[in-house]
Amino acid sequence: MQRLNLIPCAAPFWADSGHGQTLWAHFLKSAELSHFGKKFEVDLPDGDRLFCSWIEGHTNLVVSLFHGLSGDVTSDYMQRTALICQQLGHTVVLVNHRGAGEGAPFAKRPYHSGSAEDVSVVLGQLRQMFPHKKHISVGYSLSGNIMLCLLGGYGGKNKPDGAITVNAPLNLQSGSLLLKSGFNRVYDMRFVLRLRKLVEEKHRLGLITEKYEIPKWATVWDMDQIYTAPASGFASREDYYQRCSSIQYVSGIDVPTYTLTSADDPFVDVGDYLRAPFSKHVQLHIEKRGGHMGYLHRQSLPVGGTRWLDYYLHEALRGLEGTLNEKVPALSPK
């Protein structure tokens, strides 16, 4: 597996903190796709349906992208990564989890941090669509945890040939507890607002009949007990957290995987990464500054722009391409 030789992320003075990185990266304008390519659907065994799109490339690689909590294929990081894939010539697939994006009217159950079976079904269909290509998957935040679970042997048999994860919460309980503390309640309230709207929309569409009593000031911790766990077939919030935390599966990963996090992520404990028994197939990179999927750099990077996360993804994709094809070297810092 190729080792990445990376320029450290040097934060600008106005984003020199975990919260600064997280918030500014979200609010600053970023590049967008001019089109989302061809649409296709993935039928899940329980009758729910996912809505995806793909843009054709000319290399032998297919890169599938999976968004974080309350995101969809239009999320800024999804679009930017799709553009990077296009620049590298790869076919790129943007996946909406169940109930996200156009799939809102076609999913009774929610997606969650352990939806590895859903990802496995998607990858199985992609193998059929592109049987002669190598497959790389990128998971952001919640989907990073899903990806690590799948790679480690939980929840499905179809795996990618290589993977990248970004700021995955390895320990769901610690992540949920961090979200409801201090300034993190700002992020927590945003997540809950979107989750509440999803539940209300499912009621409006007649997809669910259960009445979930969600308090006005509910947290993600509360939502996992009230809605996510029971609606997904778990006995309780604790059962959900225990079964779906990827920290217990990462020792079983047997495909080349680049894993990124930051020491100052407000609600993903870097200590979990330091304690995790990653297999030899995982190359972990921890940046001092980056927040939660922020990684803003103070000057222009070798691939252009000042978004260090895009630079990392470009390098990781090059690294996996070189590893899988044994011929393409990753870029070195300039």
C-alpha atoms as a PDB file:
ATOM      1  CA  MET A   1       0.000   0.000   0.000  1.00  0.00           C
ATOM      2  CA  GLN A   2       1.428   3.353  -1.003  1.00  0.00           C
ATOM      3  CA  ARG A   3       2.282   5.678   1.858  1.00  0.00           C
ATOM      4  CA  LEU A   4       1.051   9.220   1.369  1.00  0.00           C
ATOM      5  CA  ASN A   5       3.610  11.995   1.722  1.00  0.00           C
ATOM      6  CA  LEU A   6       1.407  14.909   2.707  1.00  0.00           C
ATOM      7  CA  ILE A   7       1.809  18.611   3.337  1.00  0.00           C
ATOM      8  CA  PRO A   8       0.422  19.304   6.843  1.00  0.00           C
ATOM      9  CA  CYS A   9      -2.756  21.348   7.026  1.00  0.00           C
ATOM     10  CA  ALA A  10      -1.730  24.867   8.089  1.00  0.00           C
ATOM     11  CA  ALA A  11      -4.875  26.602   9.292  1.00  0.00           C
ATOM     12  CA  PRO A  12      -5.491  30.277   8.482  1.00  0.00           C
ATOM     13  CA  PHE A  13      -5.661  32.483  11.585  1.00  0.00           C
ATOM     14  CA  TRP A  14      -9.438  32.900  11.229  1.00  0.00           C
ATOM     15  CA  ALA A  15     -10.024  29.120  11.281  1.00  0.00           C
ATOM     16  CA  ASP A  16      -7.355  28.041  13.752  1.00  0.00           C
ATOM     17  CA  SER A  17      -9.610  25.871  15.929  1.00  0.00           C
ATOM     18  CA  GLY A  18     -11.793  22.808  15.600  1.00  0.00           C
ATOM     19  CA  HIS A  19     -15.009  24.824  15.546  1.00  0.00           C
ATOM     20  CA  GLY A  20     -13.519  27.408  13.190  1.00  0.00           C
ATOM     21  CA  GLN A  21     -12.481  24.711  10.734  1.00  0.00           C
ATOM     22  CA  THR A  22     -15.841  22.932  10.947  1.00  0.00           C
ATOM     23  CA  LEU A  23     -18.021  26.015  10.533  1.00  0.00           C
ATOM     24  CA  TRP A  24     -16.015  27.986   7.971  1.00  0.00           C
ATOM     25  CA  ALA A  25     -15.588  24.937   5.742  1.00  0.00           C
ATOM     26  CA  HIS A  26     -19.351  24.503   5.730  1.00  0.00           C
ATOM     27  CA  PHE A  27     -20.248  28.120   5.013  1.00  0.00           C
ATOM     28  CA  LEU A  28     -17.572  29.001   2.461  1.00  0.00           C
ATOM     29  CA  LYS A  29     -18.627  28.571  -1.155  1.00  0.00           C
ATOM     30  CA  SER A  30     -17.073  25.629  -2.974  1.00  0.00           C
ATOM     31  CA  ALA A  31     -16.988  24.158  -6.474  1.00  0.00           C
ATOM     32  CA  GLU A  32     -20.159  22.484  -7.745  1.00  0.00           C
ATOM     33  CA  LEU A  33     -20.955  19.863 -10.343  1.00  0.00           C
ATOM     34  CA  SER A  34     -22.455  21.152 -13.579  1.00  0.00           C
ATOM     35  CA  HIS A  35     -24.510  17.946 -13.804  1.00  0.00           C
ATOM     36  CA  PHE A  36     -24.997  14.780 -11.766  1.00  0.00           C
ATOM     37  CA  GLY A  37     -24.848  12.353 -14.678  1.00  0.00           C
ATOM     38  CA  LYS A  38     -27.115   9.365 -15.157  1.00  0.00           C
ATOM     39  CA  LYS A  39     -29.544   8.319 -12.451  1.00  0.00           C
ATOM     40  CA  PHE A  40     -30.207   4.787 -11.263  1.00  0.00           C
ATOM     41  CA  GLU A  41     -31.978   3.112  -8.358  1.00  0.00           C
ATOM     42  CA  VAL A  42     -30.969   0.388  -5.921  1.00  0.00           C
ATOM     43  CA  ASP A  43     -33.687  -1.833  -4.467  1.00  0.00           C
ATOM     44  CA  LEU A  44     -33.010  -3.009  -0.919  1.00  0.00           C
ATOM     45  CA  PRO A  45     -34.182  -6.410   0.384  1.00  0.00           C
ATOM     46  CA  ASP A  46     -36.762  -4.848   2.733  1.00  0.00           C
ATOM     47  CA  GLY A  47     -38.472  -2.922  -0.077  1.00  0.00           C
ATOM     48  CA  ASP A  48     -36.863   0.481   0.474  1.00  0.00           C
ATOM     49  CA  ARG A  49     -35.071   2.091  -2.447  1.00  0.00           C
ATOM     50  CA  LEU A  50     -31.940   4.215  -2.869  1.00  0.00           C
ATOM     51  CA  PHE A  51     -31.455   6.872  -5.543  1.00  0.00           C
ATOM     52  CA  CYS A  52     -27.994   7.339  -7.026  1.00  0.00           C
ATOM     53  CA  SER A  53     -26.269   8.908 -10.007  1.00  0.00           C
ATOM     54  CA  TRP A  54     -23.066   8.221 -11.889  1.00  0.00           C
ATOM     55  CA  ILE A  55     -20.723  10.121 -14.187  1.00  0.00           C
ATOM     56  CA  GLU A  56     -18.641   8.077 -16.602  1.00  0.00           C
ATOM     57  CA  GLY A  57     -14.841   8.201 -16.641  1.00  0.00           C
ATOM     58  CA  HIS A  58     -12.166   6.552 -18.761  1.00  0.00           C
ATOM     59  CA  THR A  59      -9.929   4.797 -16.191  1.00  0.00           C
ATOM     60  CA  ASN A  60     -10.424   1.316 -14.741  1.00  0.00           C
ATOM     61  CA  LEU A  61     -11.644   2.740 -11.415  1.00  0.00           C
ATOM     62  CA  VAL A  62     -15.155   3.386 -10.093  1.00  0.00           C
ATOM     63  CA  VAL A  63     -15.338   5.628  -7.018  1.00  0.00           C
ATOM     64  CA  SER A  64     -18.555   5.519  -4.964  1.00  0.00           C
ATOM     65  CA  LEU A  65     -19.270   8.360  -2.528  1.00  0.00           C
ATOM     66  CA  PHE A  66     -21.402   8.035   0.631  1.00  0.00           C
ATOM     67  CA  HIS A  67     -22.544  11.148   2.538  1.00  0.00           C
ATOM     68  CA  GLY A  68     -22.784  11.902   6.245  1.00  0.00           C
ATOM     69  CA  LEU A  69     -25.744  12.391   8.598  1.00  0.00           C
ATOM     70  CA  SER A  70     -28.442  14.683   7.142  1.00  0.00           C
ATOM     71  CA  GLY A  71     -26.519  14.984   3.857  1.00  0.00           C
ATOM     72  CA  ASP A  72     -27.239  13.806   0.317  1.00  0.00           C
ATOM     73  CA  VAL A  73     -25.570  13.718  -3.097  1.00  0.00           C
ATOM     74  CA  THR A  74     -25.729  17.523  -3.352  1.00  0.00           C
ATOM     75  CA  SER A  75     -23.645  18.071  -0.183  1.00  0.00           C
ATOM     76  CA  ASP A  76     -20.659  20.294  -0.912  1.00  0.00           C
ATOM     77  CA  TYR A  77     -18.034  17.681  -0.013  1.00  0.00           C
ATOM     78  CA  MET A  78     -19.760  15.106  -2.248  1.00  0.00           C
ATOM     79  CA  GLN A  79     -19.721  17.451  -5.227  1.00  0.00           C
ATOM     80  CA  ARG A  80     -16.103  18.483  -4.697  1.00  0.00           C
ATOM     81  CA  THR A  81     -14.952  14.879  -4.463  1.00  0.00           C
ATOM     82  CA  ALA A  82     -16.905  14.013  -7.601  1.00  0.00           C
ATOM     83  CA  LEU A  83     -15.051  16.816  -9.388  1.00  0.00           C
ATOM     84  CA  ILE A  84     -11.723  15.401  -8.187  1.00  0.00           C
ATOM     85  CA  CYS A  85     -12.713  11.986  -9.543  1.00  0.00           C
ATOM     86  CA  GLN A  86     -13.575  13.581 -12.876  1.00  0.00           C
ATOM     87  CA  GLN A  87     -10.186  15.316 -12.983  1.00  0.00           C
ATOM     88  CA  LEU A  88      -8.500  11.963 -12.389  1.00  0.00           C
ATOM     89  CA  GLY A  89     -10.630  10.331 -15.082  1.00  0.00           C
ATOM     90  CA  HIS A  90     -12.504   7.945 -12.803  1.00  0.00           C
ATOM     91  CA  THR A  91     -16.142   6.945 -13.039  1.00  0.00           C
ATOM     92  CA  VAL A  92     -17.843   8.412  -9.971  1.00  0.00           C
ATOM     93  CA  VAL A  93     -21.051   7.276  -8.272  1.00  0.00           C
ATOM     94  CA  LEU A  94     -22.923   9.526  -5.828  1.00  0.00           C
ATOM     95  CA  VAL A  95     -25.123   7.559  -3.439  1.00  0.00           C
ATOM     96  CA  ASN A  96     -28.104   8.824  -1.447  1.00  0.00           C
ATOM     97  CA  HIS A  97     -28.672   6.732   1.656  1.00  0.00           C
ATOM     98  CA  ARG A  98     -32.222   5.477   2.194  1.00  0.00           C
ATOM     99  CA  GLY A  99     -34.601   8.383   2.659  1.00  0.00           C
ATOM    100  CA  ALA A 100     -32.047  10.979   1.529  1.00  0.00           C
ATOM    101  CA  GLY A 101     -32.362  13.213  -1.524  1.00  0.00           C
ATOM    102  CA  GLU A 102     -34.824  11.948  -4.107  1.00  0.00           C
ATOM    103  CA  GLY A 103     -35.318   8.793  -2.068  1.00  0.00           C
ATOM    104  CA  ALA A 104     -37.340  10.495   0.682  1.00  0.00           C
ATOM    105  CA  PRO A 105     -40.711   9.054  -0.473  1.00  0.00           C
ATOM    106  CA  PHE A 106     -39.286   5.551  -0.965  1.00  0.00           C
ATOM    107  CA  ALA A 107     -37.856   4.584   2.427  1.00  0.00           C
ATOM    108  CA  LYS A 108     -39.764   3.489   5.508  1.00  0.00           C
ATOM    109  CA  ARG A 109     -36.659   2.921   7.608  1.00  0.00           C
ATOM    110  CA  PRO A 110     -33.907   5.453   8.338  1.00  0.00           C
ATOM    111  CA  TYR A 111     -30.269   5.061   7.443  1.00  0.00           C
ATOM    112  CA  HIS A 112     -27.906   4.973  10.407  1.00  0.00           C
ATOM    113  CA  SER A 113     -24.268   4.502  11.408  1.00  0.00           C
ATOM    114  CA  GLY A 114     -24.454   0.746  10.911  1.00  0.00           C
ATOM    115  CA  SER A 115     -26.140   0.637   7.491  1.00  0.00           C
ATOM    116  CA  ALA A 116     -23.407  -1.616   6.116  1.00  0.00           C
ATOM    117  CA  GLU A 117     -25.904  -3.979   4.490  1.00  0.00           C
ATOM    118  CA  ASP A 118     -27.255  -1.093   2.390  1.00  0.00           C
ATOM    119  CA  VAL A 119     -23.749  -0.159   1.255  1.00  0.00           C
ATOM    120  CA  SER A 120     -23.036  -3.806   0.473  1.00  0.00           C
ATOM    121  CA  VAL A 121     -26.132  -3.985  -1.738  1.00  0.00           C
ATOM    122  CA  VAL A 122     -25.044  -0.822  -3.573  1.00  0.00           C
ATOM    123  CA  LEU A 123     -21.557  -2.222  -4.138  1.00  0.00           C
ATOM    124  CA  GLY A 124     -23.017  -5.495  -5.370  1.00  0.00           C
ATOM    125  CA  GLN A 125     -25.045  -3.634  -7.981  1.00  0.00           C
ATOM    126  CA  LEU A 126     -22.024  -1.532  -8.971  1.00  0.00           C
ATOM    127  CA  ARG A 127     -20.031  -4.735  -9.491  1.00  0.00           C
ATOM    128  CA  GLN A 128     -22.723  -5.828 -11.933  1.00  0.00           C
ATOM    129  CA  MET A 129     -22.813  -2.448 -13.668  1.00  0.00           C
ATOM    130  CA  PHE A 130     -19.013  -2.208 -13.950  1.00  0.00           C
ATOM    131  CA  PRO A 131     -17.751  -5.819 -13.814  1.00  0.00           C
ATOM    132  CA  HIS A 132     -14.285  -5.162 -15.215  1.00  0.00           C
ATOM    133  CA  LYS A 133     -13.347  -2.164 -13.073  1.00  0.00           C
ATOM    134  CA  LYS A 134     -11.767  -1.757  -9.641  1.00  0.00           C
ATOM    135  CA  HIS A 135     -13.991  -0.214  -6.996  1.00  0.00           C
ATOM    136  CA  ILE A 136     -13.070   2.419  -4.402  1.00  0.00           C
ATOM    137  CA  SER A 137     -15.530   3.762  -1.815  1.00  0.00           C
ATOM    138  CA  VAL A 138     -15.326   7.013   0.140  1.00  0.00           C
ATOM    139  CA  GLY A 139     -17.282   7.398   3.382  1.00  0.00           C
ATOM    140  CA  TYR A 140     -17.721  10.726   5.157  1.00  0.00           C
ATOM    141  CA  SER A 141     -18.416  10.978   8.887  1.00  0.00           C
ATOM    142  CA  LEU A 142     -21.334   8.604   9.618  1.00  0.00           C
ATOM    143  CA  SER A 143     -20.670   6.792   6.322  1.00  0.00           C
ATOM    144  CA  GLY A 144     -17.031   6.478   7.301  1.00  0.00           C
ATOM    145  CA  ASN A 145     -18.126   4.415  10.286  1.00  0.00           C
ATOM    146  CA  ILE A 146     -20.422   2.380   8.042  1.00  0.00           C
ATOM    147  CA  MET A 147     -17.542   1.743   5.635  1.00  0.00           C
ATOM    148  CA  LEU A 148     -15.159   0.639   8.379  1.00  0.00           C
ATOM    149  CA  CYS A 149     -17.828  -1.710   9.755  1.00  0.00           C
ATOM    150  CA  LEU A 150     -18.344  -3.260   6.321  1.00  0.00           C
ATOM    151  CA  LEU A 151     -14.617  -3.552   5.623  1.00  0.00           C
ATOM    152  CA  GLY A 152     -14.132  -5.220   9.000  1.00  0.00           C
ATOM    153  CA  GLY A 153     -16.745  -7.882   8.323  1.00  0.00           C
ATOM    154  CA  TYR A 154     -19.983  -6.450   9.701  1.00  0.00           C
ATOM    155  CA  GLY A 155     -23.205  -6.208   7.738  1.00  0.00           C
ATOM    156  CA  GLY A 156     -22.523  -7.385   4.191  1.00  0.00           C
ATOM    157  CA  LYS A 157     -20.377  -9.455   1.860  1.00  0.00           C
ATOM    158  CA  ASN A 158     -19.725  -6.950  -0.955  1.00  0.00           C
ATOM    159  CA  LYS A 159     -16.688  -4.789  -0.234  1.00  0.00           C
ATOM    160  CA  PRO A 160     -14.786  -2.261  -2.338  1.00  0.00           C
ATOM    161  CA  ASP A 161     -11.237  -3.000  -3.495  1.00  0.00           C
ATOM    162  CA  GLY A 162     -10.035   0.067  -1.595  1.00  0.00           C
ATOM    163  CA  ALA A 163     -11.548   2.720   0.657  1.00  0.00           C
ATOM    164  CA  ILE A 164     -11.148   6.178   2.154  1.00  0.00           C
ATOM    165  CA  THR A 165     -12.879   7.385   5.314  1.00  0.00           C
ATOM    166  CA  VAL A 166     -13.067  10.944   6.625  1.00  0.00           C
ATOM    167  CA  ASN A 167     -13.740  11.819  10.293  1.00  0.00           C
ATOM    168  CA  ALA A 168     -15.621   8.621  11.041  1.00  0.00           C
ATOM    169  CA  PRO A 169     -17.017   8.320  14.598  1.00  0.00           C
ATOM    170  CA  LEU A 170     -15.455   4.982  15.611  1.00  0.00           C
ATOM    171  CA  ASN A 171     -17.301   4.912  18.942  1.00  0.00           C
ATOM    172  CA  LEU A 172     -20.938   5.935  18.517  1.00  0.00           C
ATOM    173  CA  GLN A 173     -21.595   6.394  22.213  1.00  0.00           C
ATOM    174  CA  SER A 174     -18.686   8.774  22.777  1.00  0.00           C
ATOM    175  CA  GLY A 175     -19.590  10.702  19.622  1.00  0.00           C
ATOM    176  CA  SER A 176     -23.209  11.087  20.675  1.00  0.00           C
ATOM    177  CA  LEU A 177     -22.222  12.232  24.161  1.00  0.00           C
ATOM    178  CA  LEU A 178     -19.771  14.780  22.752  1.00  0.00           C
ATOM    179  CA  LEU A 179     -22.466  16.175  20.454  1.00  0.00           C
ATOM    180  CA  LYS A 180     -24.706  17.159  23.341  1.00  0.00           C
ATOM    181  CA  SER A 181     -22.029  18.967  25.333  1.00  0.00           C
ATOM    182  CA  GLY A 182     -21.055  22.639  25.278  1.00  0.00           C
ATOM    183  CA  PHE A 183     -20.880  24.467  21.951  1.00  0.00           C
ATOM    184  CA  ASN A 184     -21.391  21.156  20.145  1.00  0.00           C
ATOM    185  CA  ARG A 185     -25.107  21.575  20.842  1.00  0.00           C
ATOM    186  CA  VAL A 186     -25.104  23.908  17.815  1.00  0.00           C
ATOM    187  CA  TYR A 187     -24.287  20.955  15.546  1.00  0.00           C
ATOM    188  CA  ASP A 188     -26.519  18.654  17.552  1.00  0.00           C
ATOM    189  CA  MET A 189     -29.572  20.898  17.147  1.00  0.00           C
ATOM    190  CA  ARG A 190     -28.992  21.118  13.400  1.00  0.00           C
ATOM    191  CA  PHE A 191     -28.843  17.326  13.085  1.00  0.00           C
ATOM    192  CA  VAL A 192     -31.971  16.882  15.214  1.00  0.00           C
ATOM    193  CA  LEU A 193     -33.879  19.525  13.233  1.00  0.00           C
ATOM    194  CA  ARG A 194     -33.230  17.622  10.023  1.00  0.00           C
ATOM    195  CA  LEU A 195     -34.002  14.256  11.603  1.00  0.00           C
ATOM    196  CA  ARG A 196     -37.255  15.624  12.999  1.00  0.00           C
ATOM    197  CA  LYS A 197     -38.240  16.839   9.526  1.00  0.00           C
ATOM    198  CA  LEU A 198     -37.460  13.410   8.068  1.00  0.00           C
ATOM    199  CA  VAL A 199     -39.729  11.711  10.612  1.00  0.00           C
ATOM    200  CA  GLU A 200     -42.510  14.237   9.963  1.00  0.00           C
ATOM    201  CA  GLU A 201     -42.151  13.727   6.215  1.00  0.00           C
ATOM    202  CA  LYS A 202     -42.430   9.948   6.585  1.00  0.00           C
ATOM    203  CA  HIS A 203     -45.670  10.441   8.533  1.00  0.00           C
ATOM    204  CA  ARG A 204     -47.000  12.845   5.921  1.00  0.00           C
ATOM    205  CA  LEU A 205     -46.249  10.386   3.110  1.00  0.00           C
ATOM    206  CA  GLY A 206     -47.809   7.486   5.006  1.00  0.00           C
ATOM    207  CA  LEU A 207     -44.540   5.561   5.148  1.00  0.00           C
ATOM    208  CA  ILE A 208     -44.754   5.073   8.918  1.00  0.00           C
ATOM    209  CA  THR A 209     -47.636   4.986  11.378  1.00  0.00           C
ATOM    210  CA  GLU A 210     -45.723   4.879  14.667  1.00  0.00           C
ATOM    211  CA  LYS A 211     -45.929   8.020  16.772  1.00  0.00           C
ATOM    212  CA  TYR A 212     -42.470   9.029  17.914  1.00  0.00           C
ATOM    213  CA  GLU A 213     -42.683  11.553  20.740  1.00  0.00           C
ATOM    214  CA  ILE A 214     -39.686  13.815  20.141  1.00  0.00           C
ATOM    215  CA  PRO A 215     -39.146  16.479  22.849  1.00  0.00           C
ATOM    216  CA  LYS A 216     -38.601  20.050  21.713  1.00  0.00           C
ATOM    217  CA  TRP A 217     -35.019  20.112  22.975  1.00  0.00           C
ATOM    218  CA  ALA A 218     -34.127  16.560  21.958  1.00  0.00           C
ATOM    219  CA  THR A 219     -30.507  15.668  21.211  1.00  0.00           C
ATOM    220  CA  VAL A 220     -29.071  13.074  18.825  1.00  0.00           C
ATOM    221  CA  TRP A 221     -28.568  10.973  21.964  1.00  0.00           C
ATOM    222  CA  ASP A 222     -32.330  11.208  22.563  1.00  0.00           C
ATOM    223  CA  MET A 223     -33.223  10.642  18.897  1.00  0.00           C
ATOM    224  CA  ASP A 224     -31.197   7.439  18.802  1.00  0.00           C
ATOM    225  CA  GLN A 225     -33.281   6.039  21.678  1.00  0.00           C
ATOM    226  CA  ILE A 226     -36.648   7.432  20.567  1.00  0.00           C
ATOM    227  CA  TYR A 227     -36.433   6.870  16.816  1.00  0.00           C
ATOM    228  CA  THR A 228     -33.248   5.620  15.128  1.00  0.00           C
ATOM    229  CA  ALA A 229     -32.696   2.478  17.214  1.00  0.00           C
ATOM    230  CA  PRO A 230     -36.287   1.136  17.311  1.00  0.00           C
ATOM    231  CA  ALA A 231     -37.036   2.114  13.697  1.00  0.00           C
ATOM    232  CA  SER A 232     -33.911   0.247  12.587  1.00  0.00           C
ATOM    233  CA  GLY A 233     -34.594  -2.940  14.517  1.00  0.00           C
ATOM    234  CA  PHE A 234     -32.296  -2.425  17.507  1.00  0.00           C
ATOM    235  CA  ALA A 235     -33.412  -3.193  21.055  1.00  0.00           C
ATOM    236  CA  SER A 236     -32.185   0.150  22.377  1.00  0.00           C
ATOM    237  CA  ARG A 237     -29.778   3.017  21.820  1.00  0.00           C
ATOM    238  CA  GLU A 238     -27.102   1.071  23.686  1.00  0.00           C
ATOM    239  CA  ASP A 239     -27.685  -2.001  21.498  1.00  0.00           C
ATOM    240  CA  TYR A 240     -27.337   0.176  18.392  1.00  0.00           C
ATOM    241  CA  TYR A 241     -24.138   1.814  19.630  1.00  0.00           C
ATOM    242  CA  GLN A 242     -22.598  -1.478  20.715  1.00  0.00           C
ATOM    243  CA  ARG A 243     -23.293  -3.333  17.484  1.00  0.00           C
ATOM    244  CA  CYS A 244     -22.495  -0.523  15.050  1.00  0.00           C
ATOM    245  CA  SER A 245     -19.341   1.108  16.445  1.00  0.00           C
ATOM    246  CA  SER A 246     -16.587   0.351  13.941  1.00  0.00           C
ATOM    247  CA  ILE A 247     -13.790   0.435  16.530  1.00  0.00           C
ATOM    248  CA  GLN A 248     -14.478  -3.246  17.210  1.00  0.00           C
ATOM    249  CA  TYR A 249     -14.193  -4.241  13.524  1.00  0.00           C
ATOM    250  CA  VAL A 250     -11.170  -2.307  12.231  1.00  0.00           C
ATOM    251  CA  SER A 251      -8.723  -5.089  13.103  1.00  0.00           C
ATOM    252  CA  GLY A 252     -10.410  -7.242  10.451  1.00  0.00           C
ATOM    253  CA  ILE A 253      -9.994  -4.838   7.516  1.00  0.00           C
ATOM    254  CA  ASP A 254      -8.260  -6.610   4.628  1.00  0.00           C
ATOM    255  CA  VAL A 255      -8.395  -4.058   1.790  1.00  0.00           C
ATOM    256  CA  PRO A 256      -6.181  -0.950   1.424  1.00  0.00           C
ATOM    257  CA  THR A 257      -7.833   1.859   3.365  1.00  0.00           C
ATOM    258  CA  TYR A 258      -6.832   5.463   3.988  1.00  0.00           C
ATOM    259  CA  THR A 259      -8.401   6.885   7.145  1.00  0.00           C
ATOM    260  CA  LEU A 260      -8.340  10.586   8.006  1.00  0.00           C
ATOM    261  CA  THR A 261      -9.318  12.423  11.168  1.00  0.00           C
ATOM    262  CA  SER A 262      -8.205  15.518  13.078  1.00  0.00           C
ATOM    263  CA  ALA A 263      -7.069  15.965  16.650  1.00  0.00           C
ATOM    264  CA  ASP A 264      -9.492  18.873  17.090  1.00  0.00           C
ATOM    265  CA  ASP A 265     -12.686  17.332  15.708  1.00  0.00           C
ATOM    266  CA  PRO A 266     -15.370  18.719  18.065  1.00  0.00           C
ATOM    267  CA  PHE A 267     -17.441  15.535  18.228  1.00  0.00           C
ATOM    268  CA  VAL A 268     -15.229  12.660  17.066  1.00  0.00           C
ATOM    269  CA  ASP A 269     -12.821  11.711  19.847  1.00  0.00           C
ATOM    270  CA  VAL A 270      -9.291  11.365  18.451  1.00  0.00           C
ATOM    271  CA  GLY A 271      -8.553   9.116  21.435  1.00  0.00           C
ATOM    272  CA  ASP A 272     -10.726   6.443  19.843  1.00  0.00           C
ATOM    273  CA  TYR A 273      -8.385   6.477  16.845  1.00  0.00           C
ATOM    274  CA  LEU A 274      -5.314   6.198  19.046  1.00  0.00           C
ATOM    275  CA  ARG A 275      -6.849   3.201  20.836  1.00  0.00           C
ATOM    276  CA  ALA A 276      -8.311   1.480  17.765  1.00  0.00           C
ATOM    277  CA  PRO A 277      -6.612  -1.794  16.718  1.00  0.00           C
ATOM    278  CA  PHE A 278      -6.370  -0.944  13.007  1.00  0.00           C
ATOM    279  CA  SER A 279      -5.152  -3.735  10.754  1.00  0.00           C
ATOM    280  CA  LYS A 280      -1.972  -3.423   8.686  1.00  0.00           C
ATOM    281  CA  HIS A 281      -4.120  -2.565   5.651  1.00  0.00           C
ATOM    282  CA  VAL A 282      -5.209   0.766   7.169  1.00  0.00           C
ATOM    283  CA  GLN A 283      -3.092   3.896   6.831  1.00  0.00           C
ATOM    284  CA  LEU A 284      -4.268   6.318   9.525  1.00  0.00           C
ATOM    285  CA  HIS A 285      -3.537  10.025   9.214  1.00  0.00           C
ATOM    286  CA  ILE A 286      -4.316  12.453  12.050  1.00  0.00           C
ATOM    287  CA  GLU A 287      -4.056  16.183  11.366  1.00  0.00           C
ATOM    288  CA  LYS A 288      -3.543  18.641  14.227  1.00  0.00           C
ATOM    289  CA  ARG A 289      -6.090  21.049  12.695  1.00  0.00           C
ATOM    290  CA  GLY A 290      -9.117  20.187  10.609  1.00  0.00           C
ATOM    291  CA  GLY A 291     -12.229  20.142  12.762  1.00  0.00           C
ATOM    292  CA  HIS A 292     -15.011  17.915  11.486  1.00  0.00           C
ATOM    293  CA  MET A 293     -14.467  17.595   7.726  1.00  0.00           C
ATOM    294  CA  GLY A 294     -13.072  21.122   7.551  1.00  0.00           C
ATOM    295  CA  TYR A 295      -9.326  21.163   6.802  1.00  0.00           C
ATOM    296  CA  LEU A 296      -8.925  24.703   5.503  1.00  0.00           C
ATOM    297  CA  HIS A 297      -5.345  25.606   4.509  1.00  0.00           C
ATOM    298  CA  ARG A 298      -3.794  29.081   4.611  1.00  0.00           C
ATOM    299  CA  GLN A 299      -2.336  29.025   1.087  1.00  0.00           C
ATOM    300  CA  SER A 300      -2.805  27.407  -2.312  1.00  0.00           C
ATOM    301  CA  LEU A 301      -2.148  23.653  -2.457  1.00  0.00           C
ATOM    302  CA  PRO A 302      -0.457  21.620  -5.240  1.00  0.00           C
ATOM    303  CA  VAL A 303      -3.853  20.568  -6.623  1.00  0.00           C
ATOM    304  CA  GLY A 304      -5.199  24.142  -6.447  1.00  0.00           C
ATOM    305  CA  GLY A 305      -7.403  25.874  -3.907  1.00  0.00           C
ATOM    306  CA  THR A 306      -7.022  26.012  -0.145  1.00  0.00           C
ATOM    307  CA  ARG A 307      -9.230  23.090   0.878  1.00  0.00           C
ATOM    308  CA  TRP A 308      -6.745  20.624   2.339  1.00  0.00           C
ATOM    309  CA  LEU A 309      -9.422  17.906   2.462  1.00  0.00           C
ATOM    310  CA  ASP A 310      -9.679  18.008  -1.337  1.00  0.00           C
ATOM    311  CA  TYR A 311      -5.887  17.736  -1.544  1.00  0.00           C
ATOM    312  CA  TYR A 312      -5.948  14.729   0.805  1.00  0.00           C
ATOM    313  CA  LEU A 313      -8.695  13.006  -1.180  1.00  0.00           C
ATOM    314  CA  HIS A 314      -6.822  13.623  -4.433  1.00  0.00           C
ATOM    315  CA  GLU A 315      -3.667  12.090  -2.942  1.00  0.00           C
ATOM    316  CA  ALA A 316      -5.527   9.167  -1.360  1.00  0.00           C
ATOM    317  CA  LEU A 317      -7.290   8.376  -4.636  1.00  0.00           C
ATOM    318  CA  ARG A 318      -3.944   8.499  -6.425  1.00  0.00           C
ATOM    319  CA  GLY A 319      -2.478   6.283  -3.721  1.00  0.00           C
ATOM    320  CA  LEU A 320      -5.233   3.697  -4.097  1.00  0.00           C
ATOM    321  CA  GLU A 321      -4.969   3.852  -7.878  1.00  0.00           C
ATOM    322  CA  GLY A 322      -1.259   3.140  -7.574  1.00  0.00           C
ATOM    323  CA  THR A 323      -1.834   0.379  -5.034  1.00  0.00           C
ATOM    324  CA  LEU A 324      -4.565  -1.328  -7.060  1.00  0.00           C
ATOM    325  CA  ASN A 325      -2.807  -0.923 -10.413  1.00  0.00           C
ATOM    326  CA  GLU A 326       0.771  -1.056  -9.081  1.00  0.00           C
ATOM    327  CA  LYS A 327       1.931   1.672 -11.407  1.00  0.00           C
ATOM    328  CA  VAL A 328       0.648   5.158 -10.560  1.00  0.00           C
ATOM    329  CA  PRO A 329       2.675   6.982  -7.858  1.00  0.00           C
ATOM    330  CA  ALA A 330       1.054   9.381  -5.421  1.00  0.00           C
ATOM    331  CA  LEU A 331       2.135  13.018  -5.675  1.00  0.00           C
ATOM    332  CA  SER A 332       4.823  14.362  -3.369  1.00  0.00           C
ATOM    333  CA  PRO A 333       4.629  17.746  -1.666  1.00  0.00           C
ATOM    334  CA  LYS A 334       6.025  20.679  -3.603  1.00  0.00           C
END
